[in-house]
Amino acid sequence: AGSGRDPVLATNIKQSATLLTQEGLALVRSLYEWCGTEALRDGPLQRCFRDMHAGSQHVLVGDRNPHEFADLRLADPDPS
């Protein structure tokens, strides 16, 4: 009996999570820079900046995910 885990779905989920995390980091970084020294004080933006950077270190959104996604697409260019 298999594990029931679909490797294509798992790779797509990891790729989506990685992309969303990268875009979220870019947005938070832009806001942080735009706010200047006000962003250094304890508050929602500082907490979001810290939490986004901490979350970006999670294995689910690691640097390897885009490579796994590319390997999957190159192996089977027709995902349907």
PDB file of N, CA and C in Angstrom:
ATOM      1  N   ALA A   1       0.843  -1.187   0.000  1.00  0.00           N
ATOM      2  CA  ALA A   1       0.000   0.000   0.000  1.00  0.00           C
ATOM      3  C   ALA A   1       0.879   1.237   0.000  1.00  0.00           C
ATOM      4  N   GLY A   2       0.502   2.221  -0.793  1.00  0.00           N
ATOM      5  CA  GLY A   2       1.265   3.463  -0.873  1.00  0.00           C
ATOM      6  C   GLY A   2       0.937   4.403   0.274  1.00  0.00           C
ATOM      7  N   SER A   3       1.699   5.448   0.347  1.00  0.00           N
ATOM      8  CA  SER A   3       1.501   6.426   1.424  1.00  0.00           C
ATOM      9  C   SER A   3       0.311   7.335   1.136  1.00  0.00           C
ATOM     10  N   GLY A   4      -0.184   7.322  -0.094  1.00  0.00           N
ATOM     11  CA  GLY A   4      -1.281   8.188  -0.464  1.00  0.00           C
ATOM     12  C   GLY A   4      -0.838   9.612  -0.782  1.00  0.00           C
ATOM     13  N   ARG A   5       0.447   9.862  -0.684  1.00  0.00           N
ATOM     14  CA  ARG A   5       0.973  11.203  -0.951  1.00  0.00           C
ATOM     15  C   ARG A   5       1.292  11.331  -2.432  1.00  0.00           C
ATOM     16  N   ASP A   6       0.726  12.330  -3.054  1.00  0.00           N
ATOM     17  CA  ASP A   6       0.966  12.602  -4.467  1.00  0.00           C
ATOM     18  C   ASP A   6       2.194  13.503  -4.579  1.00  0.00           C
ATOM     19  N   PRO A   7       3.306  13.000  -5.146  1.00  0.00           N
ATOM     20  CA  PRO A   7       4.526  13.805  -5.213  1.00  0.00           C
ATOM     21  C   PRO A   7       4.374  15.073  -6.058  1.00  0.00           C
ATOM     22  N   VAL A   8       3.549  15.028  -7.081  1.00  0.00           N
ATOM     23  CA  VAL A   8       3.328  16.219  -7.909  1.00  0.00           C
ATOM     24  C   VAL A   8       2.601  17.287  -7.094  1.00  0.00           C
ATOM     25  N   LEU A   9       1.555  16.879  -6.383  1.00  0.00           N
ATOM     26  CA  LEU A   9       0.815  17.823  -5.548  1.00  0.00           C
ATOM     27  C   LEU A   9       1.710  18.390  -4.450  1.00  0.00           C
ATOM     28  N   ALA A  10       2.500  17.541  -3.821  1.00  0.00           N
ATOM     29  CA  ALA A  10       3.401  18.001  -2.756  1.00  0.00           C
ATOM     30  C   ALA A  10       4.406  19.019  -3.287  1.00  0.00           C
ATOM     31  N   THR A  11       4.955  18.763  -4.465  1.00  0.00           N
ATOM     32  CA  THR A  11       5.919  19.688  -5.063  1.00  0.00           C
ATOM     33  C   THR A  11       5.248  21.008  -5.430  1.00  0.00           C
ATOM     34  N   ASN A  12       4.037  20.936  -5.969  1.00  0.00           N
ATOM     35  CA  ASN A  12       3.304  22.158  -6.315  1.00  0.00           C
ATOM     36  C   ASN A  12       2.982  22.991  -5.073  1.00  0.00           C
ATOM     37  N   ILE A  13       2.615  22.333  -3.989  1.00  0.00           N
ATOM     38  CA  ILE A  13       2.322  23.047  -2.741  1.00  0.00           C
ATOM     39  C   ILE A  13       3.577  23.720  -2.212  1.00  0.00           C
ATOM     40  N   LYS A  14       4.688  23.002  -2.211  1.00  0.00           N
ATOM     41  CA  LYS A  14       5.941  23.595  -1.733  1.00  0.00           C
ATOM     42  C   LYS A  14       6.362  24.771  -2.610  1.00  0.00           C
ATOM     43  N   GLN A  15       6.183  24.643  -3.917  1.00  0.00           N
ATOM     44  CA  GLN A  15       6.543  25.736  -4.825  1.00  0.00           C
ATOM     45  C   GLN A  15       5.663  26.954  -4.566  1.00  0.00           C
ATOM     46  N   SER A  16       4.374  26.736  -4.374  1.00  0.00           N
ATOM     47  CA  SER A  16       3.460  27.846  -4.087  1.00  0.00           C
ATOM     48  C   SER A  16       3.814  28.520  -2.771  1.00  0.00           C
ATOM     49  N   ALA A  17       4.095  27.727  -1.745  1.00  0.00           N
ATOM     50  CA  ALA A  17       4.469  28.285  -0.440  1.00  0.00           C
ATOM     51  C   ALA A  17       5.766  29.081  -0.540  1.00  0.00           C
ATOM     52  N   THR A  18       6.712  28.577  -1.319  1.00  0.00           N
ATOM     53  CA  THR A  18       7.986  29.277  -1.497  1.00  0.00           C
ATOM     54  C   THR A  18       7.768  30.617  -2.192  1.00  0.00           C
ATOM     55  N   LEU A  19       6.987  30.619  -3.257  1.00  0.00           N
ATOM     56  CA  LEU A  19       6.715  31.858  -3.993  1.00  0.00           C
ATOM     57  C   LEU A  19       5.991  32.878  -3.112  1.00  0.00           C
ATOM     58  N   LEU A  20       4.973  32.434  -2.391  1.00  0.00           N
ATOM     59  CA  LEU A  20       4.235  33.347  -1.514  1.00  0.00           C
ATOM     60  C   LEU A  20       5.134  33.918  -0.425  1.00  0.00           C
ATOM     61  N   THR A  21       6.010  33.096   0.117  1.00  0.00           N
ATOM     62  CA  THR A  21       6.932  33.572   1.149  1.00  0.00           C
ATOM     63  C   THR A  21       7.895  34.603   0.582  1.00  0.00           C
ATOM     64  N   GLN A  22       8.447  34.333  -0.592  1.00  0.00           N
ATOM     65  CA  GLN A  22       9.380  35.278  -1.213  1.00  0.00           C
ATOM     66  C   GLN A  22       8.699  36.612  -1.516  1.00  0.00           C
ATOM     67  N   GLU A  23       7.484  36.559  -2.032  1.00  0.00           N
ATOM     68  CA  GLU A  23       6.751  37.790  -2.343  1.00  0.00           C
ATOM     69  C   GLU A  23       6.383  38.539  -1.062  1.00  0.00           C
ATOM     70  N   GLY A  24       5.979  37.795  -0.040  1.00  0.00           N
ATOM     71  CA  GLY A  24       5.666  38.419   1.242  1.00  0.00           C
ATOM     72  C   GLY A  24       6.877  39.097   1.854  1.00  0.00           C
ATOM     73  N   LEU A  25       8.025  38.438   1.774  1.00  0.00           N
ATOM     74  CA  LEU A  25       9.263  39.037   2.278  1.00  0.00           C
ATOM     75  C   LEU A  25       9.602  40.321   1.532  1.00  0.00           C
ATOM     76  N   ALA A  26       9.449  40.306   0.231  1.00  0.00           N
ATOM     77  CA  ALA A  26       9.745  41.502  -0.563  1.00  0.00           C
ATOM     78  C   ALA A  26       8.814  42.651  -0.170  1.00  0.00           C
ATOM     79  N   LEU A  27       7.550  42.351   0.043  1.00  0.00           N
ATOM     80  CA  LEU A  27       6.586  43.373   0.437  1.00  0.00           C
ATOM     81  C   LEU A  27       6.920  43.945   1.813  1.00  0.00           C
ATOM     82  N   VAL A  28       7.162  43.064   2.779  1.00  0.00           N
ATOM     83  CA  VAL A  28       7.473  43.513   4.137  1.00  0.00           C
ATOM     84  C   VAL A  28       8.777  44.300   4.155  1.00  0.00           C
ATOM     85  N   ARG A  29       9.759  43.855   3.393  1.00  0.00           N
ATOM     86  CA  ARG A  29      11.040  44.570   3.333  1.00  0.00           C
ATOM     87  C   ARG A  29      10.844  45.977   2.758  1.00  0.00           C
ATOM     88  N   SER A  30      10.029  46.097   1.717  1.00  0.00           N
ATOM     89  CA  SER A  30       9.755  47.413   1.130  1.00  0.00           C
ATOM     90  C   SER A  30       9.052  48.329   2.129  1.00  0.00           C
ATOM     91  N   LEU A  31       8.060  47.798   2.822  1.00  0.00           N
ATOM     92  CA  LEU A  31       7.362  48.598   3.830  1.00  0.00           C
ATOM     93  C   LEU A  31       8.299  49.008   4.952  1.00  0.00           C
ATOM     94  N   TYR A  32       9.131  48.079   5.373  1.00  0.00           N
ATOM     95  CA  TYR A  32      10.080  48.348   6.453  1.00  0.00           C
ATOM     96  C   TYR A  32      11.022  49.484   6.064  1.00  0.00           C
ATOM     97  N   GLU A  33      11.544  49.432   4.855  1.00  0.00           N
ATOM     98  CA  GLU A  33      12.451  50.480   4.382  1.00  0.00           C
ATOM     99  C   GLU A  33      11.715  51.807   4.199  1.00  0.00           C
ATOM    100  N   TRP A  34      10.492  51.759   3.733  1.00  0.00           N
ATOM    101  CA  TRP A  34       9.710  52.962   3.508  1.00  0.00           C
ATOM    102  C   TRP A  34       9.399  53.685   4.821  1.00  0.00           C
ATOM    103  N   CYS A  35       9.217  52.919   5.903  1.00  0.00           N
ATOM    104  CA  CYS A  35       8.865  53.503   7.205  1.00  0.00           C
ATOM    105  C   CYS A  35      10.055  54.110   7.935  1.00  0.00           C
ATOM    106  N   GLY A  36      11.255  53.848   7.488  1.00  0.00           N
ATOM    107  CA  GLY A  36      12.440  54.421   8.127  1.00  0.00           C
ATOM    108  C   GLY A  36      12.621  53.929   9.554  1.00  0.00           C
ATOM    109  N   THR A  37      13.101  54.810  10.430  1.00  0.00           N
ATOM    110  CA  THR A  37      13.417  54.392  11.800  1.00  0.00           C
ATOM    111  C   THR A  37      12.176  54.036  12.606  1.00  0.00           C
ATOM    112  N   GLU A  38      11.021  54.480  12.170  1.00  0.00           N
ATOM    113  CA  GLU A  38       9.776  54.119  12.872  1.00  0.00           C
ATOM    114  C   GLU A  38       9.584  52.599  12.886  1.00  0.00           C
ATOM    115  N   ALA A  39      10.056  51.923  11.859  1.00  0.00           N
ATOM    116  CA  ALA A  39       9.908  50.470  11.773  1.00  0.00           C
ATOM    117  C   ALA A  39      10.771  49.736  12.794  1.00  0.00           C
ATOM    118  N   LEU A  40      11.769  50.404  13.352  1.00  0.00           N
ATOM    119  CA  LEU A  40      12.638  49.764  14.345  1.00  0.00           C
ATOM    120  C   LEU A  40      11.942  49.569  15.686  1.00  0.00           C
ATOM    121  N   ARG A  41      10.935  50.375  15.963  1.00  0.00           N
ATOM    122  CA  ARG A  41      10.243  50.298  17.248  1.00  0.00           C
ATOM    123  C   ARG A  41       9.334  49.076  17.293  1.00  0.00           C
ATOM    124  N   ASP A  42       9.086  48.585  18.509  1.00  0.00           N
ATOM    125  CA  ASP A  42       8.154  47.470  18.665  1.00  0.00           C
ATOM    126  C   ASP A  42       6.790  47.872  18.122  1.00  0.00           C
ATOM    127  N   GLY A  43       6.248  47.014  17.302  1.00  0.00           N
ATOM    128  CA  GLY A  43       4.939  47.287  16.727  1.00  0.00           C
ATOM    129  C   GLY A  43       4.605  46.232  15.696  1.00  0.00           C
ATOM    130  N   PRO A  44       3.452  46.358  15.051  1.00  0.00           N
ATOM    131  CA  PRO A  44       3.008  45.345  14.096  1.00  0.00           C
ATOM    132  C   PRO A  44       3.969  45.129  12.926  1.00  0.00           C
ATOM    133  N   LEU A  45       4.526  46.203  12.382  1.00  0.00           N
ATOM    134  CA  LEU A  45       5.425  46.047  11.235  1.00  0.00           C
ATOM    135  C   LEU A  45       6.723  45.359  11.640  1.00  0.00           C
ATOM    136  N   GLN A  46       7.278  45.750  12.775  1.00  0.00           N
ATOM    137  CA  GLN A  46       8.519  45.125  13.249  1.00  0.00           C
ATOM    138  C   GLN A  46       8.287  43.642  13.523  1.00  0.00           C
ATOM    139  N   ARG A  47       7.139  43.318  14.119  1.00  0.00           N
ATOM    140  CA  ARG A  47       6.811  41.923  14.415  1.00  0.00           C
ATOM    141  C   ARG A  47       6.611  41.132  13.118  1.00  0.00           C
ATOM    142  N   CYS A  48       5.922  41.730  12.149  1.00  0.00           N
ATOM    143  CA  CYS A  48       5.707  41.070  10.860  1.00  0.00           C
ATOM    144  C   CYS A  48       7.032  40.843  10.144  1.00  0.00           C
ATOM    145  N   PHE A  49       7.905  41.849  10.165  1.00  0.00           N
ATOM    146  CA  PHE A  49       9.226  41.728   9.546  1.00  0.00           C
ATOM    147  C   PHE A  49       9.998  40.562  10.163  1.00  0.00           C
ATOM    148  N   ARG A  50      10.008  40.507  11.487  1.00  0.00           N
ATOM    149  CA  ARG A  50      10.717  39.438  12.197  1.00  0.00           C
ATOM    150  C   ARG A  50      10.101  38.070  11.892  1.00  0.00           C
ATOM    151  N   ASP A  51       8.766  37.989  11.954  1.00  0.00           N
ATOM    152  CA  ASP A  51       8.093  36.710  11.741  1.00  0.00           C
ATOM    153  C   ASP A  51       8.248  36.208  10.310  1.00  0.00           C
ATOM    154  N   MET A  52       8.178  37.112   9.336  1.00  0.00           N
ATOM    155  CA  MET A  52       8.357  36.701   7.941  1.00  0.00           C
ATOM    156  C   MET A  52       9.766  36.166   7.704  1.00  0.00           C
ATOM    157  N   HIS A  53      10.762  36.823   8.290  1.00  0.00           N
ATOM    158  CA  HIS A  53      12.128  36.345   8.119  1.00  0.00           C
ATOM    159  C   HIS A  53      12.354  35.022   8.839  1.00  0.00           C
ATOM    160  N   ALA A  54      11.751  34.850   9.993  1.00  0.00           N
ATOM    161  CA  ALA A  54      11.856  33.567  10.700  1.00  0.00           C
ATOM    162  C   ALA A  54      11.171  32.466   9.894  1.00  0.00           C
ATOM    163  N   GLY A  55       9.981  32.748   9.380  1.00  0.00           N
ATOM    164  CA  GLY A  55       9.248  31.764   8.594  1.00  0.00           C
ATOM    165  C   GLY A  55       9.941  31.400   7.294  1.00  0.00           C
ATOM    166  N   SER A  56      10.712  32.326   6.756  1.00  0.00           N
ATOM    167  CA  SER A  56      11.407  32.054   5.493  1.00  0.00           C
ATOM    168  C   SER A  56      12.505  31.009   5.660  1.00  0.00           C
ATOM    169  N   GLN A  57      12.847  30.696   6.892  1.00  0.00           N
ATOM    170  CA  GLN A  57      13.881  29.694   7.142  1.00  0.00           C
ATOM    171  C   GLN A  57      13.301  28.284   7.264  1.00  0.00           C
ATOM    172  N   HIS A  58      11.992  28.154   7.178  1.00  0.00           N
ATOM    173  CA  HIS A  58      11.342  26.851   7.308  1.00  0.00           C
ATOM    174  C   HIS A  58      11.695  25.965   6.119  1.00  0.00           C
ATOM    175  N   VAL A  59      11.821  24.677   6.381  1.00  0.00           N
ATOM    176  CA  VAL A  59      12.210  23.728   5.330  1.00  0.00           C
ATOM    177  C   VAL A  59      11.185  23.695   4.191  1.00  0.00           C
ATOM    178  N   LEU A  60       9.921  23.963   4.479  1.00  0.00           N
ATOM    179  CA  LEU A  60       8.884  23.932   3.444  1.00  0.00           C
ATOM    180  C   LEU A  60       9.136  24.966   2.358  1.00  0.00           C
ATOM    181  N   VAL A  61       9.778  26.060   2.708  1.00  0.00           N
ATOM    182  CA  VAL A  61      10.020  27.127   1.736  1.00  0.00           C
ATOM    183  C   VAL A  61      11.513  27.297   1.462  1.00  0.00           C
ATOM    184  N   GLY A  62      12.235  26.202   1.482  1.00  0.00           N
ATOM    185  CA  GLY A  62      13.680  26.228   1.306  1.00  0.00           C
ATOM    186  C   GLY A  62      14.119  26.516  -0.117  1.00  0.00           C
ATOM    187  N   ASP A  63      15.398  26.766  -0.258  1.00  0.00           N
ATOM    188  CA  ASP A  63      15.984  27.099  -1.561  1.00  0.00           C
ATOM    189  C   ASP A  63      15.921  25.945  -2.557  1.00  0.00           C
ATOM    190  N   ARG A  64      15.753  24.736  -2.090  1.00  0.00           N
ATOM    191  CA  ARG A  64      15.733  23.567  -2.967  1.00  0.00           C
ATOM    192  C   ARG A  64      14.403  23.429  -3.716  1.00  0.00           C
ATOM    193  N   ASN A  65      13.343  24.018  -3.209  1.00  0.00           N
ATOM    194  CA  ASN A  65      12.014  23.824  -3.792  1.00  0.00           C
ATOM    195  C   ASN A  65      11.899  24.232  -5.259  1.00  0.00           C
ATOM    196  N   PRO A  66      12.423  25.375  -5.682  1.00  0.00           N
ATOM    197  CA  PRO A  66      12.332  25.698  -7.110  1.00  0.00           C
ATOM    198  C   PRO A  66      13.046  24.668  -7.997  1.00  0.00           C
ATOM    199  N   HIS A  67      14.121  24.093  -7.484  1.00  0.00           N
ATOM    200  CA  HIS A  67      14.841  23.073  -8.255  1.00  0.00           C
ATOM    201  C   HIS A  67      14.006  21.799  -8.375  1.00  0.00           C
ATOM    202  N   GLU A  68      13.347  21.407  -7.283  1.00  0.00           N
ATOM    203  CA  GLU A  68      12.470  20.234  -7.329  1.00  0.00           C
ATOM    204  C   GLU A  68      11.322  20.468  -8.309  1.00  0.00           C
ATOM    205  N   PHE A  69      10.768  21.674  -8.292  1.00  0.00           N
ATOM    206  CA  PHE A  69       9.671  22.015  -9.196  1.00  0.00           C
ATOM    207  C   PHE A  69      10.134  21.946 -10.649  1.00  0.00           C
ATOM    208  N   ALA A  70      11.309  22.494 -10.933  1.00  0.00           N
ATOM    209  CA  ALA A  70      11.854  22.454 -12.295  1.00  0.00           C
ATOM    210  C   ALA A  70      12.134  21.020 -12.729  1.00  0.00           C
ATOM    211  N   ASP A  71      12.701  20.223 -11.827  1.00  0.00           N
ATOM    212  CA  ASP A  71      12.961  18.814 -12.148  1.00  0.00           C
ATOM    213  C   ASP A  71      11.666  18.091 -12.496  1.00  0.00           C
ATOM    214  N   LEU A  72      10.620  18.365 -11.740  1.00  0.00           N
ATOM    215  CA  LEU A  72       9.323  17.735 -11.979  1.00  0.00           C
ATOM    216  C   LEU A  72       8.773  18.140 -13.341  1.00  0.00           C
ATOM    217  N   ARG A  73       8.830  19.421 -13.658  1.00  0.00           N
ATOM    218  CA  ARG A  73       8.295  19.904 -14.934  1.00  0.00           C
ATOM    219  C   ARG A  73       9.122  19.420 -16.123  1.00  0.00           C
ATOM    220  N   LEU A  74      10.426  19.335 -15.960  1.00  0.00           N
ATOM    221  CA  LEU A  74      11.267  18.851 -17.056  1.00  0.00           C
ATOM    222  C   LEU A  74      11.069  17.363 -17.292  1.00  0.00           C
ATOM    223  N   ALA A  75      10.770  16.626 -16.249  1.00  0.00           N
ATOM    224  CA  ALA A  75      10.546  15.191 -16.383  1.00  0.00           C
ATOM    225  C   ALA A  75       9.198  14.909 -17.036  1.00  0.00           C
ATOM    226  N   ASP A  76       8.204  15.761 -16.766  1.00  0.00           N
ATOM    227  CA  ASP A  76       6.858  15.578 -17.307  1.00  0.00           C
ATOM    228  C   ASP A  76       6.299  16.945 -17.690  1.00  0.00           C
ATOM    229  N   PRO A  77       6.623  17.432 -18.892  1.00  0.00           N
ATOM    230  CA  PRO A  77       6.205  18.775 -19.290  1.00  0.00           C
ATOM    231  C   PRO A  77       4.693  18.956 -19.387  1.00  0.00           C
ATOM    232  N   ASP A  78       3.925  17.863 -19.499  1.00  0.00           N
ATOM    233  CA  ASP A  78       2.464  17.959 -19.562  1.00  0.00           C
ATOM    234  C   ASP A  78       1.896  17.506 -18.219  1.00  0.00           C
ATOM    235  N   PRO A  79       1.640  18.458 -17.289  1.00  0.00           N
ATOM    236  CA  PRO A  79       1.217  18.077 -15.951  1.00  0.00           C
ATOM    237  C   PRO A  79      -0.212  17.564 -15.859  1.00  0.00           C
ATOM    238  N   SER A  80      -0.972  17.574 -16.943  1.00  0.00           N
ATOM    239  CA  SER A  80      -2.372  17.141 -16.871  1.00  0.00           C
ATOM    240  C   SER A  80      -2.537  15.646 -16.849  1.00  0.00           C
TER     241      SER A  80
END
